Amino acid sequence: MGPVTTGWRVLSIDHRDPVAPFEEIVRLIDAAGTATAAAYSRSDVIEALNEHQPAAVAVASGQLVGAAVARVAGRDAHLLALALHPHWRNKGIGSALLREIDQEVIHHGAHRLLALVEPGQVGEVAFAHQGFTRLDGLHLYFRAASMVPEELAVVERYGGHFPPSGLWEAMKGFSSTKELLERRIVAPLSHVELADRIGLRPPSAVMLFGPPGTGKTSFARAIASRLSWAFVELHPSLLGQGTQAAATLRDALADLGRVDHLVCFIDEADEIASARAARPESQPIVNELLKAIPVFKSRPGRLMIMATNSIAAIDPAMLRPGRFDLIIPVGAPDTGGRAELATELLPACDPEDVAVRTEGFTPADFALAAQRAAQLAFERALAGGDQEVTASDSIDAVTVTKPSVNREAAGAFALEAESFARL
């Protein structure tokens, strides 16, 4: 539309009119290049129009040259858009549209009209002319929703969820492992633009291995919590056998591969990815994994974590570069980690002394020892004695608790870590 000198008029939208200019309003907003409310988008405008929310237009020579759309919520009305055609600005149309929309929102029961405006935005002068009060010092905070409804439906179909916040901080006794996972996994995925600028590719597939009870599953869930991503666990036992398992896995990974910001976790990886030479029946699902993992990795914003107690049992093809970006050993807490767990779970004791006594202990072992110490104190209290858990109770409990990771298992893990780790 070129420059026009004829007059214009402002009209409210009659939603009962079968030819109400909804599409023209949206086109005008696109052409104007502005939607007054910084917190809203054109889809919000379309939804408001379909719901018969207040709207007004400016017409000149039969053509739409201005539009205003609002949404009423209780006693407040929020201006979603104030759009003016580029050739019809500075003619008083914005002020006239605001006067008209003011009357419309009153009819809808609103007591206040609110608008979020970026400095210098087209139409800003109209607000001053129409007596709007500007509140300085306010800040608009926004973030995109974690995922769209279709993605959430996929996550829920596979039993997934958003882990609660704080799981990362709750991982006690693994300071060195946490520091490694933070540097190599969490940080690159949290700062993708910086990583991309430097040339660092954030990991998209990770294998965790180590003795039972060392927190591999907890770490996978804690990583999802730390990233505020959805978490889905695919259980090998539910996939079936042979070609059926391969097909089930292929379909699941294809579905989950369309979900942004997702951690897909597969525990007991040796059950579905064991060496084909040793277990020929695993060939269909191993073949499927070899094809599916690169596809899953092809889109950013998702992370596959697999975990196993026996990395040596995994098919060698799975461990070659190109499948898993990182292969990370997760062992029992070191001396410092054991002292940290002792401080939290066995506070009556000297943590350094307990750390020396508990080589091979996992957090679950410490929790068991704490309960045994409490049981000793409880029985003493029932007999009329001291009701506090003492250092002696704690040491006695530690003495009768066997470590989950014995010396033999720790030695085997150390050899596997040397042979298989890729950090």
Protein backbone atom coordinates (compact mmCIF):
# COMPACT_ATOMS: atom_id res chain seq x y z
CA MET A 1 0.00 0.00 0.00
CA GLY A 2 1.47 3.42 -0.96
CA PRO A 3 0.96 6.75 0.83
CA VAL A 4 -2.71 7.64 1.25
CA THR A 5 -4.25 11.02 2.11
CA THR A 6 -7.92 10.03 2.53
CA GLY A 7 -9.49 9.85 5.99
CA TRP A 8 -9.76 6.89 8.32
CA ARG A 9 -12.16 5.63 10.96
CA VAL A 10 -11.94 3.27 13.91
CA LEU A 11 -14.42 0.44 14.46
CA SER A 12 -14.85 -2.25 17.11
CA ILE A 13 -14.87 -5.82 15.84
CA ASP A 14 -18.24 -7.50 15.63
CA HIS A 15 -17.33 -11.13 16.31
CA ARG A 16 -20.74 -12.21 15.00
CA ASP A 17 -19.85 -10.87 11.56
CA PRO A 18 -19.03 -13.93 9.39
CA VAL A 19 -16.47 -11.82 7.49
CA ALA A 20 -14.71 -10.36 10.55
CA PRO A 21 -11.21 -9.40 9.34
CA PHE A 22 -9.21 -11.74 11.57
CA GLU A 23 -6.78 -12.78 8.85
CA GLU A 24 -6.29 -9.16 7.78
CA ILE A 25 -5.46 -8.21 11.38
CA VAL A 26 -2.78 -10.88 11.58
CA ARG A 27 -1.34 -9.82 8.21
CA LEU A 28 -1.26 -6.21 9.40
CA ILE A 29 0.61 -7.19 12.57
CA ASP A 30 3.16 -9.02 10.43
CA ALA A 31 3.49 -6.05 8.06
CA ALA A 32 3.73 -3.54 10.89
CA GLY A 33 6.56 -5.52 12.42
CA THR A 34 5.40 -4.86 15.96
CA ALA A 35 3.17 -6.30 18.62
CA THR A 36 2.92 -3.88 21.51
CA ALA A 37 3.02 -6.40 24.33
CA ALA A 38 6.53 -7.79 24.58
CA ALA A 39 5.22 -10.85 26.42
CA TYR A 40 2.84 -11.96 23.65
CA SER A 41 3.07 -13.35 20.12
CA ARG A 42 0.88 -13.45 17.03
CA SER A 43 -0.47 -16.85 18.15
CA ASP A 44 -1.78 -15.15 21.32
CA VAL A 45 -3.53 -12.60 19.13
CA ILE A 46 -5.12 -15.29 16.95
CA GLU A 47 -6.32 -17.17 20.01
CA ALA A 48 -7.83 -13.99 21.51
CA LEU A 49 -9.66 -13.18 18.29
CA ASN A 50 -11.08 -16.71 18.10
CA GLU A 51 -12.26 -16.34 21.70
CA HIS A 52 -14.07 -13.06 20.95
CA GLN A 53 -11.78 -10.96 23.11
CA PRO A 54 -11.89 -7.14 22.69
CA ALA A 55 -10.55 -5.90 19.34
CA ALA A 56 -10.72 -2.75 17.24
CA VAL A 57 -9.53 -1.80 13.76
CA ALA A 58 -8.78 1.35 11.81
CA VAL A 59 -9.98 1.42 8.20
CA ALA A 60 -9.07 3.82 5.37
CA SER A 61 -10.53 3.53 1.88
CA GLY A 62 -11.78 0.06 2.69
CA GLN A 63 -8.36 -1.16 3.79
CA LEU A 64 -7.14 -2.13 7.24
CA VAL A 65 -4.48 0.33 8.46
CA GLY A 66 -4.50 -0.26 12.22
CA ALA A 67 -5.57 -2.84 14.80
CA ALA A 68 -5.63 -3.33 18.56
CA VAL A 69 -6.36 -6.60 20.35
CA ALA A 70 -6.66 -7.21 24.11
CA ARG A 71 -7.43 -10.05 26.48
CA VAL A 72 -9.49 -9.64 29.64
CA ALA A 73 -8.42 -11.57 32.73
CA GLY A 74 -10.53 -10.71 35.77
CA ARG A 75 -10.40 -6.98 36.50
CA ASP A 76 -7.44 -6.43 34.17
CA ALA A 77 -7.23 -6.30 30.40
CA HIS A 78 -3.87 -6.92 28.72
CA LEU A 79 -3.14 -5.28 25.40
CA LEU A 80 -1.77 -7.99 23.13
CA ALA A 81 -1.13 -5.93 20.00
CA LEU A 82 -1.28 -2.37 18.70
CA ALA A 83 -0.32 -2.42 15.04
CA LEU A 84 -0.20 0.47 12.57
CA HIS A 85 0.53 0.27 8.86
CA PRO A 86 3.87 2.02 8.16
CA HIS A 87 2.18 4.61 5.90
CA TRP A 88 -0.44 5.53 8.49
CA ARG A 89 1.67 6.33 11.52
CA ASN A 90 1.73 9.70 13.33
CA LYS A 91 -1.87 10.46 12.29
CA GLY A 92 -3.59 9.86 15.61
CA ILE A 93 -4.76 6.36 14.70
CA GLY A 94 -2.97 4.74 17.64
CA SER A 95 -4.70 7.03 20.13
CA ALA A 96 -8.08 6.40 18.52
CA LEU A 97 -7.57 2.64 18.67
CA LEU A 98 -6.68 2.85 22.37
CA ARG A 99 -9.83 4.88 23.08
CA GLU A 100 -11.95 2.29 21.28
CA ILE A 101 -10.29 -0.70 22.93
CA ASP A 102 -10.73 1.05 26.31
CA GLN A 103 -14.50 1.07 25.79
CA GLU A 104 -14.46 -2.55 24.67
CA VAL A 105 -12.61 -3.86 27.73
CA ILE A 106 -14.97 -1.94 30.02
CA HIS A 107 -17.88 -3.77 28.41
CA HIS A 108 -16.03 -7.00 29.24
CA GLY A 109 -15.85 -6.01 32.92
CA ALA A 110 -12.21 -4.86 33.10
CA HIS A 111 -11.12 -2.03 35.40
CA ARG A 112 -7.60 -1.59 34.09
CA LEU A 113 -5.82 -1.75 30.72
CA LEU A 114 -2.18 -2.88 30.87
CA ALA A 115 0.46 -2.82 28.13
CA LEU A 116 4.10 -3.91 27.99
CA VAL A 117 5.97 -1.67 25.55
CA GLU A 118 9.58 -1.72 24.44
CA PRO A 119 11.30 1.71 24.49
CA GLY A 120 10.92 3.51 21.17
CA GLN A 121 8.32 1.07 19.87
CA VAL A 122 5.78 2.30 17.33
CA GLY A 123 2.65 3.44 19.14
CA GLU A 124 4.43 4.34 22.38
CA VAL A 125 3.45 8.02 22.04
CA ALA A 126 -0.23 7.03 21.87
CA PHE A 127 -0.06 5.65 25.42
CA ALA A 128 1.16 8.99 26.76
CA HIS A 129 -1.53 10.86 24.83
CA GLN A 130 -4.24 8.61 26.24
CA GLY A 131 -3.27 9.09 29.88
CA PHE A 132 -1.48 5.79 30.53
CA THR A 133 0.88 5.78 33.52
CA ARG A 134 4.39 4.52 32.83
CA LEU A 135 6.00 2.49 35.61
CA ASP A 136 9.79 2.63 35.34
CA GLY A 137 12.11 0.09 36.91
CA LEU A 138 10.04 -2.96 36.07
CA HIS A 139 11.66 -5.96 34.42
CA LEU A 140 9.99 -8.56 32.23
CA TYR A 141 11.27 -12.08 32.96
CA PHE A 142 10.38 -14.83 30.55
CA ARG A 143 11.48 -18.28 29.49
CA ALA A 144 10.16 -20.78 27.03
CA ALA A 145 8.16 -23.69 28.41
CA SER A 146 10.18 -26.86 28.96
CA MET A 147 8.54 -28.50 25.95
CA VAL A 148 5.49 -28.31 23.74
CA PRO A 149 2.44 -30.44 24.62
CA GLU A 150 3.17 -32.99 21.90
CA GLU A 151 6.65 -33.59 23.34
CA LEU A 152 5.28 -33.92 26.87
CA ALA A 153 2.83 -36.56 25.61
CA VAL A 154 5.76 -38.60 24.25
CA VAL A 155 7.68 -38.28 27.52
CA GLU A 156 4.68 -39.41 29.56
CA ARG A 157 3.95 -42.28 27.18
CA TYR A 158 7.34 -43.75 28.08
CA GLY A 159 6.90 -43.14 31.80
CA GLY A 160 9.15 -40.09 31.86
CA HIS A 161 9.03 -37.06 34.11
CA PHE A 162 10.86 -33.89 35.09
CA PRO A 163 13.10 -34.76 38.06
CA PRO A 164 12.74 -32.37 41.00
CA SER A 165 15.35 -29.70 41.49
CA GLY A 166 18.11 -30.30 43.98
CA LEU A 167 19.03 -33.86 42.98
CA TRP A 168 22.49 -32.76 41.87
CA GLU A 169 23.21 -31.11 45.20
CA ALA A 170 21.90 -34.19 47.02
CA MET A 171 24.57 -36.43 45.46
CA LYS A 172 26.92 -36.70 48.44
CA GLY A 173 30.26 -38.49 48.60
CA PHE A 174 31.12 -38.20 44.89
CA SER A 175 32.81 -34.81 44.68
CA SER A 176 35.44 -35.88 42.14
CA THR A 177 32.89 -37.65 39.91
CA LYS A 178 30.49 -34.71 40.18
CA GLU A 179 33.26 -32.32 39.19
CA LEU A 180 34.07 -34.43 36.14
CA LEU A 181 30.42 -34.74 35.06
CA GLU A 182 29.90 -31.02 35.61
CA ARG A 183 32.85 -30.11 33.38
CA ARG A 184 32.33 -32.64 30.62
CA ILE A 185 28.52 -32.97 30.45
CA VAL A 186 26.54 -30.36 32.33
CA ALA A 187 28.55 -27.24 31.48
CA PRO A 188 28.77 -27.79 27.68
CA LEU A 189 25.03 -28.60 27.52
CA SER A 190 24.20 -25.55 29.64
CA HIS A 191 26.33 -23.17 27.55
CA VAL A 192 25.80 -24.45 24.02
CA GLU A 193 26.45 -21.14 22.28
CA LEU A 194 29.80 -20.67 24.00
CA ALA A 195 30.78 -24.26 23.28
CA ASP A 196 29.81 -23.83 19.63
CA ARG A 197 31.78 -20.60 19.33
CA ILE A 198 34.89 -22.34 20.65
CA GLY A 199 34.33 -25.48 18.58
CA LEU A 200 33.42 -27.81 21.44
CA ARG A 201 30.66 -30.30 20.67
CA PRO A 202 28.51 -30.93 23.76
CA PRO A 203 28.14 -34.66 24.47
CA SER A 204 24.98 -36.38 23.26
CA ALA A 205 25.71 -39.99 24.27
CA VAL A 206 27.53 -41.09 27.42
CA MET A 207 28.31 -44.49 28.94
CA LEU A 208 28.71 -44.76 32.73
CA PHE A 209 30.28 -47.89 34.16
CA GLY A 210 31.24 -49.10 37.58
CA PRO A 211 30.38 -51.52 40.40
CA PRO A 212 26.77 -51.85 41.59
CA GLY A 213 25.61 -49.22 44.06
CA THR A 214 27.94 -46.45 42.95
CA GLY A 215 25.15 -44.08 41.90
CA LYS A 216 25.08 -44.40 38.12
CA THR A 217 21.28 -44.22 37.92
CA SER A 218 21.18 -41.43 40.49
CA PHE A 219 23.75 -39.47 38.50
CA ALA A 220 21.73 -39.84 35.29
CA ARG A 221 18.61 -38.52 37.01
CA ALA A 222 20.60 -35.78 38.75
CA ILE A 223 22.04 -34.60 35.41
CA ALA A 224 18.49 -34.22 34.07
CA SER A 225 17.57 -32.31 37.22
CA ARG A 226 20.64 -30.09 36.91
CA LEU A 227 19.76 -29.27 33.28
CA SER A 228 15.99 -28.96 33.98
CA TRP A 229 15.41 -31.55 31.22
CA ALA A 230 12.90 -34.36 31.05
CA PHE A 231 14.07 -37.82 32.08
CA VAL A 232 12.97 -41.10 30.48
CA GLU A 233 14.30 -44.51 31.46
CA LEU A 234 14.00 -47.34 28.96
CA HIS A 235 14.08 -50.62 30.86
CA PRO A 236 15.79 -53.47 28.95
CA SER A 237 13.46 -55.98 30.63
CA LEU A 238 10.46 -54.32 28.96
CA LEU A 239 11.86 -54.38 25.44
CA GLY A 240 11.32 -58.08 24.85
CA GLN A 241 13.68 -60.43 23.05
CA GLY A 242 15.48 -60.63 19.70
CA THR A 243 13.91 -58.84 16.77
CA GLN A 244 10.95 -57.74 18.88
CA ALA A 245 13.26 -55.93 21.30
CA ALA A 246 15.11 -54.33 18.38
CA ALA A 247 11.87 -53.01 16.87
CA THR A 248 10.60 -51.75 20.24
CA LEU A 249 13.87 -49.96 20.90
CA ARG A 250 13.96 -48.46 17.40
CA ASP A 251 10.44 -47.05 17.77
CA ALA A 252 11.13 -45.69 21.27
CA LEU A 253 14.32 -43.92 20.27
CA ALA A 254 12.64 -42.51 17.15
CA ASP A 255 9.84 -41.06 19.31
CA LEU A 256 12.17 -39.72 21.98
CA GLY A 257 14.54 -38.34 19.36
CA ARG A 258 11.88 -35.77 18.48
CA VAL A 259 11.77 -34.39 22.02
CA ASP A 260 14.00 -31.44 22.85
CA HIS A 261 15.80 -31.21 26.20
CA LEU A 262 15.58 -34.86 27.15
CA VAL A 263 17.81 -37.32 28.98
CA CYS A 264 17.16 -40.88 27.77
CA PHE A 265 18.59 -43.38 30.25
CA ILE A 266 19.18 -47.09 29.67
CA ASP A 267 20.45 -49.03 32.69
CA GLU A 268 21.96 -52.52 32.59
CA ALA A 269 23.30 -51.81 29.11
CA ASP A 270 25.04 -55.19 29.08
CA GLU A 271 21.59 -56.79 28.90
CA ILE A 272 20.90 -55.31 25.47
CA ALA A 273 24.37 -54.43 24.17
CA SER A 274 26.47 -57.40 25.20
CA ALA A 275 29.17 -58.72 22.89
CA ARG A 276 27.56 -60.50 19.95
CA ALA A 277 30.37 -63.05 19.85
CA ALA A 278 29.54 -64.18 23.38
CA ARG A 279 25.74 -63.84 23.07
CA PRO A 280 24.61 -64.29 19.44
CA GLU A 281 20.98 -63.76 20.47
CA SER A 282 21.81 -60.12 21.21
CA GLN A 283 22.76 -59.41 17.58
CA PRO A 284 19.42 -57.87 16.43
CA ILE A 285 19.24 -55.31 19.23
CA VAL A 286 22.96 -54.51 19.14
CA ASN A 287 22.68 -53.91 15.39
CA GLU A 288 19.70 -51.66 16.02
CA LEU A 289 21.56 -49.70 18.68
CA LEU A 290 24.53 -49.21 16.38
CA LYS A 291 22.19 -47.57 13.87
CA ALA A 292 19.91 -45.75 16.31
CA ILE A 293 22.48 -44.01 18.51
CA PRO A 294 23.97 -41.82 15.72
CA VAL A 295 20.44 -40.87 14.62
CA PHE A 296 19.48 -39.97 18.19
CA LYS A 297 22.65 -37.88 18.45
CA SER A 298 22.02 -36.04 15.18
CA ARG A 299 19.81 -33.37 16.76
CA PRO A 300 21.03 -31.15 19.62
CA GLY A 301 19.26 -30.79 22.92
CA ARG A 302 19.09 -34.41 23.98
CA LEU A 303 21.38 -36.77 25.86
CA MET A 304 21.51 -40.56 25.96
CA ILE A 305 23.07 -42.08 29.04
CA MET A 306 23.68 -45.80 29.25
CA ALA A 307 25.02 -47.51 32.37
CA THR A 308 26.52 -50.89 33.07
CA ASN A 309 28.20 -52.77 35.89
CA SER A 310 30.31 -54.67 33.37
CA ILE A 311 31.83 -52.52 30.65
CA ALA A 312 33.93 -55.46 29.44
CA ALA A 313 30.74 -57.30 28.48
CA ILE A 314 29.60 -54.53 26.09
CA ASP A 315 29.98 -55.24 22.37
CA PRO A 316 33.25 -53.65 21.18
CA ALA A 317 31.50 -51.91 18.28
CA MET A 318 29.38 -49.97 20.78
CA LEU A 319 32.47 -48.53 22.43
CA ARG A 320 34.24 -47.28 19.34
CA PRO A 321 34.42 -43.49 18.84
CA GLY A 322 31.31 -42.16 17.11
CA ARG A 323 28.80 -43.92 19.36
CA PHE A 324 29.56 -42.65 22.86
CA ASP A 325 31.25 -39.29 23.25
CA LEU A 326 32.33 -40.13 26.79
CA ILE A 327 32.86 -43.40 28.67
CA ILE A 328 33.08 -42.49 32.34
CA PRO A 329 34.04 -44.72 35.27
CA VAL A 330 31.94 -44.26 38.42
CA GLY A 331 33.53 -45.93 41.43
CA ALA A 332 32.86 -46.01 45.15
CA PRO A 333 33.42 -42.76 47.07
CA ASP A 334 37.05 -41.90 47.75
CA THR A 335 38.39 -40.98 51.19
CA GLY A 336 37.13 -37.41 50.97
CA GLY A 337 33.74 -38.59 49.79
CA ARG A 338 33.47 -41.08 52.64
CA ALA A 339 34.30 -38.37 55.15
CA GLU A 340 31.54 -36.22 53.64
CA LEU A 341 29.04 -39.08 53.97
CA ALA A 342 30.18 -39.77 57.53
CA THR A 343 29.65 -36.13 58.48
CA GLU A 344 26.10 -36.26 57.19
CA LEU A 345 24.96 -39.75 58.22
CA LEU A 346 27.15 -40.58 61.22
CA PRO A 347 27.62 -37.18 62.85
CA ALA A 348 28.58 -38.58 66.29
CA CYS A 349 31.87 -39.91 64.87
CA ASP A 350 35.12 -38.42 63.73
CA PRO A 351 34.54 -38.34 59.92
CA GLU A 352 38.22 -38.90 59.12
CA ASP A 353 38.28 -42.00 61.33
CA VAL A 354 35.11 -43.34 59.69
CA ALA A 355 36.55 -42.66 56.23
CA VAL A 356 39.52 -44.88 57.01
CA ARG A 357 37.25 -47.68 58.24
CA THR A 358 34.81 -47.62 55.29
CA GLU A 359 36.83 -48.30 52.14
CA GLY A 360 34.48 -49.62 49.46
CA PHE A 361 31.36 -48.19 51.13
CA THR A 362 28.70 -46.67 48.91
CA PRO A 363 26.10 -44.09 50.06
CA ALA A 364 23.67 -46.98 50.54
CA ASP A 365 26.18 -48.68 52.86
CA PHE A 366 26.47 -45.51 54.93
CA ALA A 367 22.69 -45.23 55.11
CA LEU A 368 22.50 -48.84 56.31
CA ALA A 369 25.16 -48.23 58.96
CA ALA A 370 23.30 -45.13 60.14
CA GLN A 371 20.12 -47.16 60.58
CA ARG A 372 21.99 -49.86 62.46
CA ALA A 373 23.48 -47.26 64.78
CA ALA A 374 20.03 -45.78 65.35
CA GLN A 375 18.66 -49.24 66.14
CA LEU A 376 21.32 -49.72 68.81
CA ALA A 377 20.41 -46.38 70.39
CA PHE A 378 16.71 -47.17 70.17
CA GLU A 379 17.07 -50.50 71.99
CA ARG A 380 19.15 -48.82 74.69
CA ALA A 381 16.54 -46.10 75.11
CA LEU A 382 13.79 -48.72 75.50
CA ALA A 383 15.76 -50.16 78.40
CA GLY A 384 15.94 -46.72 80.01
CA GLY A 385 19.41 -45.76 78.84
CA ASP A 386 20.86 -42.92 76.78
CA GLN A 387 18.61 -41.91 73.87
CA GLU A 388 21.35 -40.37 71.71
CA VAL A 389 23.23 -42.17 68.95
CA THR A 390 26.82 -42.30 70.17
CA ALA A 391 30.14 -42.61 68.42
CA SER A 392 30.40 -46.13 69.79
CA ASP A 393 27.02 -47.03 68.23
CA SER A 394 28.19 -45.70 64.89
CA ILE A 395 31.53 -47.50 64.94
CA ASP A 396 29.84 -50.76 65.95
CA ALA A 397 27.39 -50.33 63.05
CA VAL A 398 30.17 -49.61 60.57
CA THR A 399 32.10 -52.67 61.76
CA VAL A 400 29.25 -55.09 60.96
CA THR A 401 28.39 -53.48 57.60
CA LYS A 402 30.05 -55.05 54.58
CA PRO A 403 31.19 -52.73 51.78
CA SER A 404 29.32 -53.05 48.49
CA VAL A 405 32.60 -52.68 46.62
CA ASN A 406 35.07 -55.17 48.07
CA ARG A 407 38.78 -55.17 47.29
CA GLU A 408 38.41 -57.65 44.44
CA ALA A 409 35.64 -55.61 42.80
CA ALA A 410 37.60 -52.39 43.30
CA GLY A 411 40.68 -53.93 41.67
CA ALA A 412 38.68 -55.15 38.66
CA PHE A 413 37.07 -51.72 38.32
CA ALA A 414 40.45 -49.99 38.38
CA LEU A 415 41.65 -52.18 35.50
CA GLU A 416 38.47 -51.51 33.50
CA ALA A 417 38.76 -47.78 34.13
CA GLU A 418 42.31 -47.84 32.75
CA SER A 419 41.28 -49.83 29.68
CA PHE A 420 37.89 -48.35 28.74
CA ALA A 421 37.56 -44.80 30.08
CA ARG A 422 37.16 -42.06 27.49
CA LEU A 423 37.13 -38.67 29.14
